[in-house]
Structures are given as structure tokens and as C-alpha cells.
Amino acid sequence: METKEESRMSTPSGLKASYVDACNELDQAVNPFIESMVDRAARSSRSFYDEFTLILNGNSTLYPVQRLTDDDAAVLVRLLRRNIHITGLDLRFNNITNCGAELIAKFLLETETFSVLNLMCNDIGSNGAEWLAKALQLNISVRHLRVNGNKIGSKGGMHFATMLQLNSTLESLDIADCDLGIQCVIGLATVLNHNKTLKSIDVGRPLVYTLQEEMTVHMADMLHVNQSLQELHLERFEMKDFGVQQLCEQLVKNKTLRYLDLRCNQISCDGAKYLAELLKHNTPLKILDLSANRIGDDGLVYISDALRYLNDQLQGLSVTRNSITGVGLVAFANILKSNNSLSNVYIWGNEFDEEACIEFANLLKVGRLMPKQTDVSPYWIDGHVYLAELAHGLQMFYYWIPQYGLQDEAACNASMALLQEPQSSMSQFNLEDTESSGTDKAHSSGSISGDSLRLQNN
């Protein structure tokens, strides 16, 4: 029969006391940051049955932070064993090493309710990755795992590849910025030929020492076979136009991928032409991120032509920082008048002339673009229109937590909203949002939107 103490520890209201007890049992000093966040989580729990993710990010700017160590991980593991309401743990930007990863891995072997684990940017190496991967071979509850920013190397990455051969519950895996080698990425692509449960994977910024783009070729071949993956993140992949061609040739046959992330590569207008041909096939692709490439005016014109009449699936497109001038931006603005499905557009970081500023200001004024679905806002000075940047994007809060507002704010994490919500159309746009956005007010008074960060001058 459960004792009063055990009952208190298993409820949200007894979470703080349970943490202090765990510290005393392990003869560890109480971490004031953990104590504060545990207490905050307990008080925000609305009912006895609430389940929640305990957020203990070491880069918080809202609270005094004492970054977590392996000793803190030992206490947390004991706390997790006693409380079934904590179903997720966010430990990003702390000082957890292989020892802490081993403790967490052993806990994963025991739990059947834990579903979210974020260990981004700690000090975990290949040994810690091995412990985590072996635990996940047997775990049946964890669905979302992030270990990006830990230098697990190719050895650690291969352990995760082995895990994906056996695990049948994991839905998303982020191992970007982990110093993965070419053979490791190829191994992951090979495993995904057979894995049928993983829906999202991020293998960004591998260590590349070749110009042959073998990794991209294998990822493309995988997309021809895999019919379960919905998100593929290949940012900072050293990808060139040849790699894009390989991806597009296979994506024509793929019926499940909805989010293709190609940020920070070396894609030029030729690569954009291949992507335009892909879009003409009207595949299920809903989000395309081409930020920080070099497609230029010609590349955006190719994509614009494909979107004019031949595609009604794409809903989010980012072409920020792509050396695009007013010529390409005006052409793009014109197709938005005939394409009603593309709702989220991000263009900041290019070279706006006054004609481009006028076109996008008009799109916002008539309601074709919603203020929270783009990253620019118009303002007027001496009769001339300019564009200011808004802090909006596809996944702005992926690596950090905002100082105020909601972490899952749709305007800043549009990719999440687009993948969850049904397809939008012009008939679903709320034109009242445009009136309340202050666009017309800015026109008459010359004021600048409160969301503006920087101003784009001619």
C-alpha cells in the first residue's frame, strides 16, 4: 500500500519536496535553479492528472541559472522515478557529460511514460551517445530526442544508426552539429531505407572533406524508398546544385515528405531551377527553407513560375539572405496574387528597392499576406515606403527560448503550425487581422511596427 510520503512525491504539488528529499538522500546540495523551476512547474499544473515537460535550460535569461552537472542529473533521475507526471525533460545548454548521459540512459530502460528528451549542447561524447542509443533500443516510450550540439562524432552517430534499426517508437531525432562524418551520415541514410516510424531527422553540419556530395546522393536514394519521413533537415550540408538535382529527382516519387530544410548551403539559380521543376509536380511538400543560399533573382523567378499555376501544396517558403534584388522580389510578389496556397513568406536580408517595398506593402494591406505570416512590415517616410524586419520565421525558437511570450508562438515557429494545421486558403484568411496590424496606421502616421528589429533602407 502506498505511503503518504510516496503519494505526495507522485503528485505535482509534492514535486518540490520530492526534489529536496532526493538531494538529501544523495547527499547533494540543492540547486536553487532546479528547485525554483520544479516549484514553478508544480504550481502551474492545473490538475492532479497533468503531464508536463520539465524545462531546465541552462541558457535561460529569465531566471538565475546554476547550470546542471552530472550530480544534478543523478538527483533528477531519482525525482523522475518517483513522479509519473513528468513525461519530458529539457536539459539544453548544461554541463552534463557521459556520466550524466549514462544515468539518464539507465532511467530510460525503466520508464514507459517518458516521451521527450532534450540534451542539446551539453558535453556528451561518443560513450554517452552509446549509452543513450542502447537504452533506446529497448525503450518503448521516447518519441522525441535531441542531442544536437554534443560532440559525439561518427562513432556516437553510428550507435544511433544501429538504434534506429531496432527502435520502433522514436518519431524525431536531431543529431545536427555533432561532428558526424560522411560514413555516419551514409549509415543513417541506409538505415532509414527500412525504418518506418521516424518522421523527422536533422543531420545538419556534418564534417565534409569531399566535393562529391556522396551524403546527399544517399539521402536522395533513401527518399525514393522511405515513405514515412515527413521532415528532412540538411542545413549546412555543403550541398551544391548537383546535390539538389539528386534530391529533386527522387522527391518526385516521394509521397510523404512535407518539410525540406536546405538552409545555409551553396545552392545557386541552377539548383533553384531543379526545385522549381519539383514544385511543378505538386508533391506533398508544404515547407521549403532556402535561407542563406545564393539563388539570386533568376532562382526566385524559376520558383515563382512554378508556383503561379502548377502548385497548390506549398504553404511556407523562406528565401531570406539569397542575394535577391527588386527584380526577383517583384516577380515573386506578382505570383502571390494568383497563388492562394502559399501563406507564409520570408524574404528579409535581400536587396529591396522601392518597387519591391510597394508590392509587399500592398500584399499586406489587402490581406494576401498576414502580418504574422511574413518577416517584413512596411513603414512610410516622406512619402516613400520601406520595409522593417519582424522577428518571425519558420523555426526561430528551435535553439533558444524567448524572453517573453510563448515558446511555441506560431508567428516565430511557423513550421510547427503549418505541419499541424490543415491547409490554408485565401478564404480562410482573416482580413480583420490586417486592420488590427497597424499597417494603415503606419502609413498615415509614419510609425514603425513594434515588432520591427532593423530597418531596410534603399
Protein backbone atom coordinates (compact mmCIF):
# COMPACT_ATOMS: atom_id res chain seq x y z
CA MET A 1 0.00 0.00 0.00
CA GLU A 2 1.30 3.47 -0.95
CA THR A 3 2.51 5.58 1.97
CA LYS A 4 1.63 9.24 2.46
CA GLU A 5 5.17 10.26 1.54
CA GLU A 6 5.09 8.23 -1.70
CA SER A 7 1.69 9.68 -2.57
CA ARG A 8 2.98 13.22 -2.04
CA MET A 9 6.00 12.55 -4.22
CA SER A 10 3.88 11.22 -7.09
CA THR A 11 1.68 14.32 -7.28
CA PRO A 12 2.56 17.63 -8.95
CA SER A 13 2.04 19.54 -5.69
CA GLY A 14 4.69 17.46 -3.94
CA LEU A 15 7.31 17.91 -6.65
CA LYS A 16 9.46 20.48 -4.83
CA ALA A 17 9.51 18.45 -1.62
CA SER A 18 10.35 15.35 -3.62
CA TYR A 19 13.33 17.12 -5.20
CA VAL A 20 14.67 18.28 -1.83
CA ASP A 21 14.29 14.76 -0.43
CA ALA A 22 16.21 13.31 -3.39
CA CYS A 23 19.05 15.78 -2.77
CA ASN A 24 19.21 14.79 0.88
CA GLU A 25 19.25 11.08 0.08
CA LEU A 26 22.16 11.51 -2.33
CA ASP A 27 23.90 13.99 -0.03
CA GLN A 28 23.84 16.64 -2.77
CA ALA A 29 23.41 20.36 -2.33
CA VAL A 30 20.08 21.74 -3.55
CA ASN A 31 20.45 23.52 -6.89
CA PRO A 32 18.39 26.72 -6.45
CA PHE A 33 17.64 26.88 -10.18
CA ILE A 34 16.21 23.36 -10.25
CA GLU A 35 14.28 23.99 -7.04
CA SER A 36 12.78 27.16 -8.48
CA MET A 37 11.83 25.59 -11.81
CA VAL A 38 10.40 22.47 -10.18
CA ASP A 39 8.27 24.63 -7.90
CA ARG A 40 7.14 26.76 -10.83
CA ALA A 41 6.15 23.65 -12.82
CA ALA A 42 4.23 22.24 -9.85
CA ARG A 43 2.30 25.46 -9.31
CA SER A 44 1.41 25.76 -13.00
CA SER A 45 -0.04 22.24 -13.04
CA ARG A 46 -3.79 22.62 -13.38
CA SER A 47 -4.92 19.22 -12.21
CA PHE A 48 -3.80 16.04 -10.50
CA TYR A 49 -3.58 14.31 -13.88
CA ASP A 50 -1.44 16.90 -15.68
CA GLU A 51 1.61 15.66 -17.53
CA PHE A 52 4.37 18.10 -18.48
CA THR A 53 7.93 18.56 -19.67
CA LEU A 54 10.29 19.86 -17.00
CA ILE A 55 12.32 22.68 -18.57
CA LEU A 56 15.77 23.26 -17.06
CA ASN A 57 17.58 25.01 -19.89
CA GLY A 58 20.97 26.38 -18.92
CA ASN A 59 20.70 29.40 -21.22
CA SER A 60 17.67 30.95 -19.57
CA THR A 61 17.73 34.75 -19.35
CA LEU A 62 14.61 34.91 -17.21
CA TYR A 63 15.90 33.24 -14.05
CA PRO A 64 19.25 32.96 -12.26
CA VAL A 65 20.81 29.79 -13.67
CA GLN A 66 23.20 27.39 -12.00
CA ARG A 67 23.98 25.03 -14.85
CA LEU A 68 23.33 21.38 -14.22
CA THR A 69 26.13 18.84 -13.76
CA ASP A 70 26.20 15.04 -13.57
CA ASP A 71 25.42 15.25 -9.85
CA ASP A 72 22.25 17.18 -10.65
CA ALA A 73 21.40 14.56 -13.27
CA ALA A 74 21.58 11.86 -10.60
CA VAL A 75 19.10 13.76 -8.44
CA LEU A 76 16.79 14.37 -11.39
CA VAL A 77 16.77 10.70 -12.30
CA ARG A 78 15.69 9.83 -8.77
CA LEU A 79 13.00 12.51 -8.98
CA LEU A 80 11.75 11.17 -12.33
CA ARG A 81 11.47 7.64 -10.96
CA ARG A 82 9.07 8.92 -8.29
CA ASN A 83 6.89 11.21 -10.38
CA ILE A 84 4.82 9.92 -13.28
CA HIS A 85 3.62 13.43 -14.19
CA ILE A 86 6.99 14.44 -15.67
CA THR A 87 6.92 12.95 -19.17
CA GLY A 88 9.64 15.12 -20.70
CA LEU A 89 12.95 16.72 -19.76
CA ASP A 90 14.62 19.72 -21.38
CA LEU A 91 18.28 19.98 -20.30
CA ARG A 92 19.69 22.06 -23.14
CA PHE A 93 22.84 24.14 -22.58
CA ASN A 94 24.03 22.49 -19.39
CA ASN A 95 27.24 20.70 -18.33
CA ILE A 96 26.11 17.09 -18.48
CA THR A 97 28.81 14.66 -19.59
CA ASN A 98 28.96 10.96 -20.43
CA CYS A 99 28.34 10.06 -16.77
CA GLY A 100 25.09 12.02 -16.68
CA ALA A 101 24.05 10.53 -20.02
CA GLU A 102 24.62 7.04 -18.58
CA LEU A 103 22.35 7.81 -15.62
CA ILE A 104 19.62 9.12 -17.90
CA ALA A 105 20.00 6.10 -20.19
CA LYS A 106 19.51 3.69 -17.30
CA PHE A 107 16.35 5.57 -16.38
CA LEU A 108 15.08 5.18 -19.97
CA LEU A 109 15.39 1.42 -19.57
CA GLU A 110 12.90 1.56 -16.70
CA THR A 111 10.27 4.07 -17.80
CA GLU A 112 7.23 3.53 -20.01
CA THR A 113 5.80 7.06 -19.77
CA PHE A 114 8.75 9.32 -20.62
CA SER A 115 8.40 10.71 -24.19
CA VAL A 116 10.57 13.84 -24.68
CA LEU A 117 14.31 14.26 -24.01
CA ASN A 118 16.33 17.32 -24.99
CA LEU A 119 20.08 17.15 -24.29
CA MET A 120 21.14 19.77 -26.81
CA CYS A 121 24.52 21.49 -26.32
CA ASN A 122 25.90 19.59 -23.34
CA ASP A 123 29.29 17.84 -23.03
CA ILE A 124 28.22 14.36 -24.07
CA GLY A 125 30.69 12.34 -26.15
CA SER A 126 30.60 9.05 -28.01
CA ASN A 127 30.39 6.96 -24.82
CA GLY A 128 27.35 8.86 -23.59
CA ALA A 129 25.78 8.51 -27.04
CA GLU A 130 26.36 4.75 -26.87
CA TRP A 131 24.53 4.52 -23.52
CA LEU A 132 21.59 6.54 -24.82
CA ALA A 133 21.38 4.60 -28.09
CA LYS A 134 21.47 1.21 -26.36
CA ALA A 135 18.75 2.30 -23.94
CA LEU A 136 16.56 3.44 -26.82
CA GLN A 137 16.88 0.04 -28.47
CA LEU A 138 14.65 -1.27 -25.67
CA ASN A 139 12.70 1.84 -24.67
CA ILE A 140 9.11 1.96 -25.93
CA SER A 141 8.04 5.44 -24.86
CA VAL A 142 10.53 8.11 -26.03
CA ARG A 143 9.29 9.79 -29.19
CA HIS A 144 11.40 12.93 -29.44
CA LEU A 145 15.16 13.11 -28.87
CA ARG A 146 17.60 15.99 -29.38
CA VAL A 147 21.32 15.56 -28.83
CA ASN A 148 22.46 18.21 -31.32
CA GLY A 149 25.49 20.24 -30.32
CA ASN A 150 27.16 17.36 -28.46
CA LYS A 151 30.43 16.20 -29.98
CA ILE A 152 29.52 12.55 -30.25
CA GLY A 153 31.38 12.18 -33.56
CA SER A 154 30.90 9.45 -36.13
CA LYS A 155 31.28 6.73 -33.53
CA GLY A 156 28.39 8.07 -31.48
CA GLY A 157 26.35 8.70 -34.60
CA MET A 158 26.76 5.09 -35.71
CA HIS A 159 25.33 3.97 -32.36
CA PHE A 160 22.19 5.96 -33.15
CA ALA A 161 22.08 4.43 -36.63
CA THR A 162 22.16 0.98 -35.02
CA MET A 163 19.44 2.05 -32.61
CA LEU A 164 17.15 3.07 -35.49
CA GLN A 165 17.32 -0.47 -36.81
CA LEU A 166 15.64 -1.78 -33.65
CA ASN A 167 13.65 1.12 -32.19
CA SER A 168 10.02 1.32 -33.32
CA THR A 169 8.73 4.32 -31.34
CA LEU A 170 11.13 7.25 -31.92
CA GLU A 171 9.50 9.86 -34.19
CA SER A 172 12.04 12.69 -34.29
CA LEU A 173 15.83 12.70 -33.93
CA ASP A 174 18.13 15.72 -34.00
CA ILE A 175 21.84 14.94 -34.26
CA ALA A 176 22.98 18.11 -36.04
CA ASP A 177 26.24 19.83 -35.07
CA CYS A 178 27.60 16.57 -33.68
CA ASP A 179 30.71 16.31 -35.92
CA LEU A 180 29.27 13.40 -37.85
CA GLY A 181 31.47 12.00 -40.61
CA ILE A 182 30.49 11.02 -44.11
CA GLN A 183 30.25 7.31 -43.36
CA CYS A 184 28.00 8.00 -40.38
CA VAL A 185 25.56 10.09 -42.45
CA ILE A 186 25.54 7.43 -45.14
CA GLY A 187 24.85 4.83 -42.44
CA LEU A 188 21.88 6.84 -41.15
CA ALA A 189 20.51 7.19 -44.69
CA THR A 190 20.87 3.45 -45.23
CA VAL A 191 19.02 2.62 -42.01
CA LEU A 192 16.18 4.94 -42.99
CA ASN A 193 15.55 2.75 -46.03
CA HIS A 194 13.93 0.32 -43.59
CA ASN A 195 12.84 2.39 -40.56
CA LYS A 196 9.10 3.09 -40.78
CA THR A 197 8.46 5.12 -37.64
CA LEU A 198 10.89 8.08 -37.75
CA LYS A 199 9.10 11.17 -39.07
CA SER A 200 11.79 13.83 -38.63
CA ILE A 201 15.59 13.79 -38.70
CA ASP A 202 18.19 16.58 -38.58
CA VAL A 203 21.75 15.73 -39.61
CA GLY A 204 22.94 19.29 -40.25
CA ARG A 205 26.59 20.40 -40.32
CA PRO A 206 28.43 17.12 -40.80
CA LEU A 207 32.20 17.19 -41.28
CA VAL A 208 32.70 17.18 -45.04
CA TYR A 209 36.09 16.56 -46.66
CA THR A 210 34.95 15.81 -50.21
CA LEU A 211 33.34 17.60 -53.14
CA GLN A 212 31.49 14.53 -54.45
CA GLU A 213 28.29 15.02 -52.38
CA GLU A 214 28.06 11.31 -51.54
CA MET A 215 25.97 12.08 -48.46
CA THR A 216 23.34 13.96 -50.46
CA VAL A 217 23.17 11.17 -53.05
CA HIS A 218 22.49 8.58 -50.34
CA MET A 219 19.87 10.81 -48.71
CA ALA A 220 18.19 11.20 -52.10
CA ASP A 221 18.17 7.44 -52.69
CA MET A 222 16.65 6.99 -49.24
CA LEU A 223 13.78 9.35 -50.13
CA HIS A 224 12.91 7.11 -53.06
CA VAL A 225 12.35 4.18 -50.69
CA ASN A 226 11.28 5.73 -47.37
CA GLN A 227 7.57 6.53 -47.23
CA SER A 228 7.29 7.61 -43.59
CA LEU A 229 9.73 10.52 -43.20
CA GLN A 230 7.97 13.89 -43.12
CA GLU A 231 10.81 16.28 -42.20
CA LEU A 232 14.37 16.26 -43.53
CA HIS A 233 16.82 18.89 -42.27
CA LEU A 234 20.03 19.15 -44.30
CA GLU A 235 21.21 22.60 -43.27
CA ARG A 236 24.94 23.43 -43.60
CA PHE A 237 25.35 20.26 -45.62
CA GLU A 238 27.84 21.67 -48.16
CA MET A 239 25.16 20.98 -50.75
CA LYS A 240 25.54 22.32 -54.28
CA ASP A 241 23.34 22.25 -57.36
CA PHE A 242 24.23 18.64 -58.20
CA GLY A 243 23.04 17.51 -54.76
CA VAL A 244 19.77 19.42 -55.17
CA GLN A 245 19.26 17.75 -58.53
CA GLN A 246 19.65 14.32 -56.93
CA LEU A 247 17.16 15.18 -54.18
CA CYS A 248 14.56 16.54 -56.59
CA GLU A 249 14.74 13.54 -58.91
CA GLN A 250 13.84 11.24 -56.02
CA LEU A 251 11.36 13.57 -54.30
CA VAL A 252 9.14 13.45 -57.38
CA LYS A 253 8.41 9.85 -56.37
CA ASN A 254 8.12 10.55 -52.63
CA LYS A 255 4.61 10.93 -51.23
CA THR A 256 5.27 11.75 -47.57
CA LEU A 257 7.97 14.45 -47.18
CA ARG A 258 6.37 17.73 -46.16
CA TYR A 259 9.31 19.80 -44.86
CA LEU A 260 12.63 20.16 -46.69
CA ASP A 261 15.24 22.28 -44.90
CA LEU A 262 18.17 23.34 -47.12
CA ARG A 263 19.38 26.37 -45.19
CA CYS A 264 22.96 27.60 -45.36
CA ASN A 265 24.13 25.62 -48.37
CA GLN A 266 25.67 26.60 -51.72
CA ILE A 267 22.59 26.39 -53.90
CA SER A 268 22.55 28.76 -56.87
CA CYS A 269 19.94 29.59 -59.51
CA ASP A 270 20.54 26.22 -61.22
CA GLY A 271 19.62 24.40 -58.01
CA ALA A 272 16.54 26.60 -57.70
CA LYS A 273 15.57 25.53 -61.22
CA TYR A 274 15.59 21.88 -60.15
CA LEU A 275 13.45 22.78 -57.13
CA ALA A 276 11.05 24.64 -59.41
CA GLU A 277 10.64 21.51 -61.55
CA LEU A 278 9.90 19.56 -58.37
CA LEU A 279 7.24 22.07 -57.33
CA LYS A 280 5.59 21.77 -60.74
CA HIS A 281 4.85 18.12 -59.91
CA ASN A 282 2.73 19.38 -56.99
CA THR A 283 4.24 16.94 -54.48
CA PRO A 284 3.01 16.95 -50.82
CA LEU A 285 5.88 19.31 -49.88
CA LYS A 286 4.43 22.05 -47.64
CA ILE A 287 7.55 23.88 -46.41
CA LEU A 288 10.75 24.73 -48.29
CA ASP A 289 13.54 26.57 -46.48
CA LEU A 290 16.22 28.04 -48.76
CA SER A 291 17.54 30.65 -46.33
CA ALA A 292 21.17 31.73 -46.70
CA ASN A 293 21.85 30.30 -50.13
CA ARG A 294 22.59 32.19 -53.35
CA ILE A 295 19.69 31.56 -55.71
CA GLY A 296 19.54 35.23 -56.77
CA ASP A 297 16.88 36.80 -58.98
CA ASP A 298 16.87 34.04 -61.60
CA GLY A 299 16.40 31.35 -58.97
CA LEU A 300 13.42 33.09 -57.37
CA VAL A 301 11.88 33.71 -60.81
CA TYR A 302 12.12 29.96 -61.56
CA ILE A 303 10.38 29.14 -58.28
CA SER A 304 7.79 31.88 -58.84
CA ASP A 305 6.85 30.49 -62.26
CA ALA A 306 6.35 27.04 -60.75
CA LEU A 307 4.11 28.44 -58.02
CA ARG A 308 1.97 30.56 -60.33
CA TYR A 309 -0.45 27.88 -61.51
CA LEU A 310 1.17 24.46 -61.10
CA ASN A 311 1.47 24.11 -57.32
CA ASP A 312 -1.18 24.40 -54.63
CA GLN A 313 0.60 22.40 -51.90
CA LEU A 314 3.48 24.64 -50.77
CA GLN A 315 2.45 26.79 -47.81
CA GLY A 316 5.75 28.06 -46.40
CA LEU A 317 8.77 29.40 -48.30
CA SER A 318 11.86 31.13 -46.92
CA VAL A 319 14.34 32.82 -49.28
CA THR A 320 16.00 35.13 -46.76
CA ARG A 321 19.60 36.21 -47.42
CA ASN A 322 19.80 34.97 -51.01
CA SER A 323 21.24 38.00 -52.86
CA ILE A 324 17.86 38.70 -54.44
CA THR A 325 17.19 42.20 -55.78
CA GLY A 326 13.99 44.05 -56.54
CA VAL A 327 13.61 42.27 -59.89
CA GLY A 328 13.17 38.84 -58.32
CA LEU A 329 11.15 40.12 -55.38
CA VAL A 330 8.64 41.92 -57.62
CA ALA A 331 8.23 38.80 -59.75
CA PHE A 332 7.64 36.79 -56.59
CA ALA A 333 5.12 39.33 -55.25
CA ASN A 334 3.19 39.13 -58.51
CA ILE A 335 2.71 35.36 -58.34
CA LEU A 336 1.29 35.70 -54.82
CA LYS A 337 -1.68 37.45 -56.43
CA SER A 338 -2.59 34.27 -58.31
CA ASN A 339 -1.28 31.61 -55.90
CA ASN A 340 -3.66 31.28 -52.95
CA SER A 341 -1.99 28.41 -51.09
CA LEU A 342 1.39 29.94 -50.19
CA SER A 343 0.60 31.61 -46.87
CA ASN A 344 3.97 32.01 -45.09
CA VAL A 345 6.65 34.01 -46.91
CA TYR A 346 10.03 35.12 -45.53
CA ILE A 347 12.22 37.44 -47.61
CA TRP A 348 14.34 39.57 -45.24
CA GLY A 349 18.05 40.00 -45.93
CA ASN A 350 17.71 40.70 -49.66
CA GLU A 351 18.09 43.95 -51.61
CA PHE A 352 14.75 45.76 -51.58
CA ASP A 353 14.12 48.61 -53.99
CA GLU A 354 11.11 50.89 -53.67
CA GLU A 355 9.02 48.91 -56.19
CA ALA A 356 9.52 45.71 -54.18
CA CYS A 357 8.64 47.53 -50.96
CA ILE A 358 5.43 48.85 -52.55
CA GLU A 359 4.42 45.41 -53.82
CA PHE A 360 4.80 43.71 -50.45
CA ALA A 361 3.16 46.64 -48.65
CA ASN A 362 0.14 46.22 -50.93
CA LEU A 363 0.03 42.46 -50.33
CA LEU A 364 -0.13 43.14 -46.60
CA LYS A 365 -2.69 45.91 -46.99
CA VAL A 366 -5.18 43.83 -48.99
CA GLY A 367 -4.72 40.82 -46.73
CA ARG A 368 -2.97 38.48 -49.15
CA LEU A 369 -0.13 38.26 -46.61
CA MET A 370 -0.88 38.24 -42.91
CA PRO A 371 1.45 40.26 -40.62
CA LYS A 372 2.22 37.16 -38.54
CA GLN A 373 2.98 35.05 -41.61
CA THR A 374 5.85 37.08 -43.00
CA ASP A 375 9.01 38.73 -41.69
CA VAL A 376 8.58 42.25 -43.08
CA SER A 377 6.37 45.19 -42.20
CA PRO A 378 6.02 48.42 -44.22
CA TYR A 379 6.51 51.95 -42.93
CA TRP A 380 6.50 55.31 -44.66
CA ILE A 381 8.92 58.25 -44.52
CA ASP A 382 8.41 61.40 -46.64
CA GLY A 383 6.06 59.58 -48.99
CA HIS A 384 8.42 56.65 -49.59
CA VAL A 385 7.73 53.12 -48.42
CA TYR A 386 10.35 50.93 -46.70
CA LEU A 387 10.29 47.51 -45.07
CA ALA A 388 11.25 46.68 -41.49
CA GLU A 389 12.15 43.23 -40.20
CA LEU A 390 9.82 41.27 -37.92
CA ALA A 391 11.09 38.54 -35.60
CA HIS A 392 9.07 35.90 -37.44
CA GLY A 393 10.26 32.74 -39.14
CA LEU A 394 9.88 29.01 -39.71
CA GLN A 395 11.70 27.93 -36.53
CA MET A 396 13.17 30.90 -34.70
CA PHE A 397 12.85 29.31 -31.25
CA TYR A 398 14.49 25.99 -32.12
CA TYR A 399 17.74 26.75 -30.30
CA TRP A 400 16.59 29.15 -27.61
CA ILE A 401 13.59 30.17 -25.52
CA PRO A 402 12.08 33.67 -25.89
CA GLN A 403 12.40 36.19 -23.08
CA TYR A 404 8.66 36.74 -23.18
CA GLY A 405 5.68 35.23 -24.93
CA LEU A 406 5.04 31.61 -25.77
CA GLN A 407 7.82 29.28 -26.87
CA ASP A 408 5.54 27.74 -29.49
CA GLU A 409 4.28 31.08 -30.82
CA ALA A 410 3.05 30.33 -34.36
CA ALA A 411 4.50 33.51 -35.87
CA CYS A 412 8.01 32.53 -34.75
CA ASN A 413 7.68 28.77 -35.25
CA ALA A 414 5.57 28.70 -38.38
CA SER A 415 6.85 25.31 -39.49
CA MET A 416 5.31 23.65 -36.45
CA ALA A 417 1.98 25.37 -37.05
CA LEU A 418 1.93 24.57 -40.76
CA LEU A 419 2.62 20.88 -40.23
CA GLN A 420 -0.14 20.60 -37.62
CA GLU A 421 -2.88 22.70 -39.17
CA PRO A 422 -4.97 21.88 -42.25
CA GLN A 423 -4.04 23.58 -45.49
CA SER A 424 -4.91 27.27 -45.58
CA SER A 425 -6.59 29.05 -48.44
CA MET A 426 -7.41 32.67 -49.20
CA SER A 427 -10.95 32.08 -47.99
CA GLN A 428 -9.61 31.26 -44.54
CA PHE A 429 -7.59 34.45 -44.17
CA ASN A 430 -8.99 36.82 -41.56
CA LEU A 431 -8.85 40.26 -43.10
CA GLU A 432 -9.56 41.83 -39.71
CA ASP A 433 -6.03 40.86 -38.69
CA THR A 434 -4.74 43.24 -41.34
CA GLU A 435 -6.77 46.11 -39.98
CA SER A 436 -5.52 45.47 -36.45
CA SER A 437 -1.91 45.08 -37.55
CA GLY A 438 -1.35 48.78 -37.71
CA THR A 439 -0.30 48.80 -41.37
CA ASP A 440 -2.66 51.57 -42.39
CA LYS A 441 -1.88 53.43 -39.18
CA ALA A 442 1.81 53.30 -40.02
CA HIS A 443 1.01 54.69 -43.48
CA SER A 444 -0.76 57.71 -42.10
CA SER A 445 1.49 58.50 -39.16
CA GLY A 446 4.90 57.20 -40.26
CA SER A 447 5.15 54.97 -37.19
CA ILE A 448 7.08 51.70 -37.19
CA SER A 449 5.70 48.32 -36.09
CA GLY A 450 6.60 47.36 -32.53
CA ASP A 451 7.89 44.01 -33.83
CA SER A 452 10.47 45.71 -36.04
CA LEU A 453 14.08 44.85 -35.33
CA ARG A 454 16.01 46.56 -38.10
CA LEU A 455 15.16 48.86 -40.96
CA GLN A 456 15.88 48.11 -44.61
CA ASN A 457 16.97 51.25 -46.44
CA ASN A 458 17.14 51.78 -50.16
